[in-house]
Amino acid sequence: MRGGRVLLASLVVTAALSLVACGAADAPTSESPATSDTGSDQSTRDSHDIGMPEECTRVSAGWLPGADIADVEALPADWPAPPDGSTLCMTLSGGSTETAAYASPLPIEDVFAHYEANLPPGLTVARSTGEENGTGYDTLDGEGAGISFQIRRNDGGFTLVVAGS
């Protein structure tokens, strides 16, 4: 039964990540900057004009003004802070899953290790490869005490998807 819940949680998380990716399709990335006639990076200049942290211009998940991890209501109060050097770029809430996207200079293995070492007690976690989970990307999946979550790499950082139960 536990395997079925993990599979269901993975499917819900995958659907949520697809929605995040669709919503961020127009976000500028370091691979496709808009440039002016003078060759300066127009997208970076414009993003600073609207308050976007520079780190978020390189994250495939995009940026939303006013992102606050407190908006991800399904997270337990003792959820760990993200790894040092991470910048919160976007949160999406108000459905069966909630999402927080971070810019981070760390490799995903270091992000996974950070969370594994700092998660609240009582959560069961497991890493899986993209081949194992069928998504094409490595994940850290967890569940326990009314929460299921997945952490996965995005271009320029990582995404946390949470489902309360």
C-alpha atoms as a PDB file:
ATOM      1  CA  MET A   1       0.000   0.000   0.000  1.00  0.00           C
ATOM      2  CA  ARG A   2       2.841   2.376   0.835  1.00  0.00           C
ATOM      3  CA  GLY A   3       4.262   1.943  -2.680  1.00  0.00           C
ATOM      4  CA  GLY A   4       0.890   2.912  -4.137  1.00  0.00           C
ATOM      5  CA  ARG A   5       0.809   6.112  -2.079  1.00  0.00           C
ATOM      6  CA  VAL A   6       4.338   7.008  -3.187  1.00  0.00           C
ATOM      7  CA  LEU A   7       3.391   6.336  -6.817  1.00  0.00           C
ATOM      8  CA  LEU A   8       0.240   8.435  -6.447  1.00  0.00           C
ATOM      9  CA  ALA A   9       2.212  11.234  -4.797  1.00  0.00           C
ATOM     10  CA  SER A  10       4.793  11.048  -7.591  1.00  0.00           C
ATOM     11  CA  LEU A  11       2.069  11.327 -10.227  1.00  0.00           C
ATOM     12  CA  VAL A  12       0.511  14.331  -8.477  1.00  0.00           C
ATOM     13  CA  VAL A  13       3.915  15.953  -8.131  1.00  0.00           C
ATOM     14  CA  THR A  14       4.758  15.293 -11.782  1.00  0.00           C
ATOM     15  CA  ALA A  15       1.478  16.904 -12.857  1.00  0.00           C
ATOM     16  CA  ALA A  16       2.198  19.940 -10.694  1.00  0.00           C
ATOM     17  CA  LEU A  17       5.695  20.268 -12.106  1.00  0.00           C
ATOM     18  CA  SER A  18       4.256  20.162 -15.615  1.00  0.00           C
ATOM     19  CA  LEU A  19       1.968  23.059 -14.719  1.00  0.00           C
ATOM     20  CA  VAL A  20       4.898  25.012 -13.287  1.00  0.00           C
ATOM     21  CA  ALA A  21       6.926  24.400 -16.430  1.00  0.00           C
ATOM     22  CA  CYS A  22       4.035  25.527 -18.647  1.00  0.00           C
ATOM     23  CA  GLY A  23       3.536  28.681 -16.601  1.00  0.00           C
ATOM     24  CA  ALA A  24       7.205  29.549 -16.839  1.00  0.00           C
ATOM     25  CA  ALA A  25       7.615  29.046 -20.580  1.00  0.00           C
ATOM     26  CA  ASP A  26       7.943  32.792 -21.161  1.00  0.00           C
ATOM     27  CA  ALA A  27      10.464  33.366 -18.364  1.00  0.00           C
ATOM     28  CA  PRO A  28      13.841  34.542 -19.624  1.00  0.00           C
ATOM     29  CA  THR A  29      16.713  32.119 -19.127  1.00  0.00           C
ATOM     30  CA  SER A  30      20.457  32.401 -19.542  1.00  0.00           C
ATOM     31  CA  GLU A  31      20.104  30.286 -22.681  1.00  0.00           C
ATOM     32  CA  SER A  32      17.747  32.724 -24.417  1.00  0.00           C
ATOM     33  CA  PRO A  33      18.407  36.283 -23.235  1.00  0.00           C
ATOM     34  CA  ALA A  34      16.826  39.197 -25.035  1.00  0.00           C
ATOM     35  CA  THR A  35      19.553  41.564 -26.194  1.00  0.00           C
ATOM     36  CA  SER A  36      19.407  45.162 -27.282  1.00  0.00           C
ATOM     37  CA  ASP A  37      21.037  46.582 -30.387  1.00  0.00           C
ATOM     38  CA  THR A  38      24.106  47.436 -28.304  1.00  0.00           C
ATOM     39  CA  GLY A  39      24.575  43.811 -27.262  1.00  0.00           C
ATOM     40  CA  SER A  40      23.703  44.365 -23.576  1.00  0.00           C
ATOM     41  CA  ASP A  41      21.508  41.816 -21.872  1.00  0.00           C
ATOM     42  CA  GLN A  42      18.103  43.527 -21.974  1.00  0.00           C
ATOM     43  CA  SER A  43      16.337  40.742 -20.045  1.00  0.00           C
ATOM     44  CA  THR A  44      18.682  41.126 -17.061  1.00  0.00           C
ATOM     45  CA  ARG A  45      18.268  44.919 -17.035  1.00  0.00           C
ATOM     46  CA  ASP A  46      14.477  44.626 -17.306  1.00  0.00           C
ATOM     47  CA  SER A  47      14.313  41.964 -14.584  1.00  0.00           C
ATOM     48  CA  HIS A  48      16.189  44.216 -12.163  1.00  0.00           C
ATOM     49  CA  ASP A  49      13.741  47.033 -12.957  1.00  0.00           C
ATOM     50  CA  ILE A  50      10.871  44.857 -11.681  1.00  0.00           C
ATOM     51  CA  GLY A  51      12.746  43.547  -8.633  1.00  0.00           C
ATOM     52  CA  MET A  52      13.624  40.060  -9.860  1.00  0.00           C
ATOM     53  CA  PRO A  53      16.713  38.658  -8.124  1.00  0.00           C
ATOM     54  CA  GLU A  54      19.444  38.081 -10.690  1.00  0.00           C
ATOM     55  CA  GLU A  55      19.694  34.405  -9.676  1.00  0.00           C
ATOM     56  CA  CYS A  56      16.077  33.868 -10.738  1.00  0.00           C
ATOM     57  CA  THR A  57      16.794  34.940 -14.320  1.00  0.00           C
ATOM     58  CA  ARG A  58      18.706  31.656 -14.716  1.00  0.00           C
ATOM     59  CA  VAL A  59      16.017  29.338 -13.312  1.00  0.00           C
ATOM     60  CA  SER A  60      13.754  27.500 -15.741  1.00  0.00           C
ATOM     61  CA  ALA A  61      10.871  27.622 -13.251  1.00  0.00           C
ATOM     62  CA  GLY A  62      10.641  31.428 -13.520  1.00  0.00           C
ATOM     63  CA  TRP A  63       9.904  34.117 -10.940  1.00  0.00           C
ATOM     64  CA  LEU A  64       6.850  35.584  -9.231  1.00  0.00           C
ATOM     65  CA  PRO A  65       6.985  38.828  -7.218  1.00  0.00           C
ATOM     66  CA  GLY A  66       6.424  38.458  -3.495  1.00  0.00           C
ATOM     67  CA  ALA A  67       7.348  34.765  -3.334  1.00  0.00           C
ATOM     68  CA  ASP A  68       7.206  33.677   0.301  1.00  0.00           C
ATOM     69  CA  ILE A  69       7.758  30.133   1.558  1.00  0.00           C
ATOM     70  CA  ALA A  70       5.033  30.808   4.166  1.00  0.00           C
ATOM     71  CA  ASP A  71       2.566  30.595   1.259  1.00  0.00           C
ATOM     72  CA  VAL A  72       3.324  26.874   0.992  1.00  0.00           C
ATOM     73  CA  GLU A  73       0.919  26.001   3.793  1.00  0.00           C
ATOM     74  CA  ALA A  74       1.403  22.218   3.638  1.00  0.00           C
ATOM     75  CA  LEU A  75       4.994  22.513   4.891  1.00  0.00           C
ATOM     76  CA  PRO A  76       5.417  21.640   8.564  1.00  0.00           C
ATOM     77  CA  ALA A  77       6.584  24.433  10.877  1.00  0.00           C
ATOM     78  CA  ASP A  78       9.924  22.688  11.367  1.00  0.00           C
ATOM     79  CA  TRP A  79      10.678  22.359   7.634  1.00  0.00           C
ATOM     80  CA  PRO A  80      14.367  23.187   7.076  1.00  0.00           C
ATOM     81  CA  ALA A  81      15.582  26.335   5.385  1.00  0.00           C
ATOM     82  CA  PRO A  82      16.940  25.758   1.880  1.00  0.00           C
ATOM     83  CA  PRO A  83      20.664  25.165   1.390  1.00  0.00           C
ATOM     84  CA  ASP A  84      22.958  28.194   1.745  1.00  0.00           C
ATOM     85  CA  GLY A  85      23.132  30.235  -1.440  1.00  0.00           C
ATOM     86  CA  SER A  86      19.579  29.337  -2.529  1.00  0.00           C
ATOM     87  CA  THR A  87      17.136  32.064  -3.588  1.00  0.00           C
ATOM     88  CA  LEU A  88      13.360  31.559  -3.528  1.00  0.00           C
ATOM     89  CA  CYS A  89      12.045  32.583  -6.964  1.00  0.00           C
ATOM     90  CA  MET A  90       8.445  31.380  -7.028  1.00  0.00           C
ATOM     91  CA  THR A  91       5.715  29.798  -4.949  1.00  0.00           C
ATOM     92  CA  LEU A  92       2.431  28.417  -6.226  1.00  0.00           C
ATOM     93  CA  SER A  93      -0.298  27.367  -3.820  1.00  0.00           C
ATOM     94  CA  GLY A  94      -4.005  26.829  -3.681  1.00  0.00           C
ATOM     95  CA  GLY A  95      -4.591  23.319  -4.926  1.00  0.00           C
ATOM     96  CA  SER A  96      -3.811  19.732  -4.113  1.00  0.00           C
ATOM     97  CA  THR A  97      -0.097  20.511  -4.484  1.00  0.00           C
ATOM     98  CA  GLU A  98       2.006  23.542  -3.637  1.00  0.00           C
ATOM     99  CA  THR A  99       5.326  24.467  -5.207  1.00  0.00           C
ATOM    100  CA  ALA A 100       8.435  26.453  -4.316  1.00  0.00           C
ATOM    101  CA  ALA A 101      11.128  26.999  -6.954  1.00  0.00           C
ATOM    102  CA  TYR A 102      14.636  28.028  -5.939  1.00  0.00           C
ATOM    103  CA  ALA A 103      17.725  29.219  -7.756  1.00  0.00           C
ATOM    104  CA  SER A 104      20.793  27.465  -6.378  1.00  0.00           C
ATOM    105  CA  PRO A 105      24.417  27.089  -7.423  1.00  0.00           C
ATOM    106  CA  LEU A 106      24.567  23.629  -5.819  1.00  0.00           C
ATOM    107  CA  PRO A 107      24.437  20.315  -7.680  1.00  0.00           C
ATOM    108  CA  ILE A 108      21.171  18.487  -7.021  1.00  0.00           C
ATOM    109  CA  GLU A 109      22.996  15.777  -5.058  1.00  0.00           C
ATOM    110  CA  ASP A 110      24.103  18.437  -2.534  1.00  0.00           C
ATOM    111  CA  VAL A 111      20.540  19.780  -2.306  1.00  0.00           C
ATOM    112  CA  PHE A 112      19.241  16.262  -1.629  1.00  0.00           C
ATOM    113  CA  ALA A 113      21.940  15.694   1.026  1.00  0.00           C
ATOM    114  CA  HIS A 114      21.042  19.004   2.719  1.00  0.00           C
ATOM    115  CA  TYR A 115      17.386  18.067   3.032  1.00  0.00           C
ATOM    116  CA  GLU A 116      18.099  14.461   4.051  1.00  0.00           C
ATOM    117  CA  ALA A 117      20.281  15.740   6.904  1.00  0.00           C
ATOM    118  CA  ASN A 118      17.832  18.418   8.070  1.00  0.00           C
ATOM    119  CA  LEU A 119      14.290  17.118   7.533  1.00  0.00           C
ATOM    120  CA  PRO A 120      11.997  16.874  10.559  1.00  0.00           C
ATOM    121  CA  PRO A 121      11.814  13.466  12.250  1.00  0.00           C
ATOM    122  CA  GLY A 122       9.174  11.014  11.119  1.00  0.00           C
ATOM    123  CA  LEU A 123       9.543  11.510   7.364  1.00  0.00           C
ATOM    124  CA  THR A 124      10.491   8.607   5.120  1.00  0.00           C
ATOM    125  CA  VAL A 125      12.647   9.653   2.173  1.00  0.00           C
ATOM    126  CA  ALA A 126      14.042   7.931  -0.889  1.00  0.00           C
ATOM    127  CA  ARG A 127      16.083   9.072  -3.852  1.00  0.00           C
ATOM    128  CA  SER A 128      15.231   7.818  -7.301  1.00  0.00           C
ATOM    129  CA  THR A 129      16.786   8.298 -10.703  1.00  0.00           C
ATOM    130  CA  GLY A 130      14.908   9.503 -13.747  1.00  0.00           C
ATOM    131  CA  GLU A 131      15.051   5.972 -15.105  1.00  0.00           C
ATOM    132  CA  GLU A 132      13.540   4.509 -11.931  1.00  0.00           C
ATOM    133  CA  ASN A 133      10.694   7.001 -11.647  1.00  0.00           C
ATOM    134  CA  GLY A 134      10.065   7.390 -15.381  1.00  0.00           C
ATOM    135  CA  THR A 135      10.275  11.193 -15.310  1.00  0.00           C
ATOM    136  CA  GLY A 136      13.764  11.685 -16.692  1.00  0.00           C
ATOM    137  CA  TYR A 137      15.031  13.573 -13.631  1.00  0.00           C
ATOM    138  CA  ASP A 138      16.405  12.509 -10.267  1.00  0.00           C
ATOM    139  CA  THR A 139      14.177  13.144  -7.266  1.00  0.00           C
ATOM    140  CA  LEU A 140      14.119  13.035  -3.509  1.00  0.00           C
ATOM    141  CA  ASP A 141      10.646  11.842  -2.517  1.00  0.00           C
ATOM    142  CA  GLY A 142       9.294  11.785   1.005  1.00  0.00           C
ATOM    143  CA  GLU A 143       6.185  11.263   3.061  1.00  0.00           C
ATOM    144  CA  GLY A 144       4.893  11.104   6.594  1.00  0.00           C
ATOM    145  CA  ALA A 145       2.656  12.825   9.138  1.00  0.00           C
ATOM    146  CA  GLY A 146       0.251  14.418   6.668  1.00  0.00           C
ATOM    147  CA  ILE A 147       2.753  15.420   3.972  1.00  0.00           C
ATOM    148  CA  SER A 148       4.194  14.073   0.733  1.00  0.00           C
ATOM    149  CA  PHE A 149       6.927  15.959  -1.074  1.00  0.00           C
ATOM    150  CA  GLN A 150       9.314  15.806  -3.975  1.00  0.00           C
ATOM    151  CA  ILE A 151      12.474  17.780  -4.620  1.00  0.00           C
ATOM    152  CA  ARG A 152      13.858  17.798  -8.166  1.00  0.00           C
ATOM    153  CA  ARG A 153      16.403  19.682 -10.206  1.00  0.00           C
ATOM    154  CA  ASN A 154      15.354  22.486 -12.496  1.00  0.00           C
ATOM    155  CA  ASP A 155      17.677  24.451 -14.753  1.00  0.00           C
ATOM    156  CA  GLY A 156      19.558  26.731 -12.373  1.00  0.00           C
ATOM    157  CA  GLY A 157      18.194  25.324  -9.134  1.00  0.00           C
ATOM    158  CA  PHE A 158      15.585  23.011  -7.662  1.00  0.00           C
ATOM    159  CA  THR A 159      11.847  22.728  -7.167  1.00  0.00           C
ATOM    160  CA  LEU A 160      10.016  21.551  -4.064  1.00  0.00           C
ATOM    161  CA  VAL A 161       6.485  20.212  -4.564  1.00  0.00           C
ATOM    162  CA  VAL A 162       4.370  19.440  -1.499  1.00  0.00           C
ATOM    163  CA  ALA A 163       1.023  17.710  -1.068  1.00  0.00           C
ATOM    164  CA  GLY A 164      -0.735  17.709   2.291  1.00  0.00           C
ATOM    165  CA  SER A 165      -2.898  14.806   3.271  1.00  0.00           C
END
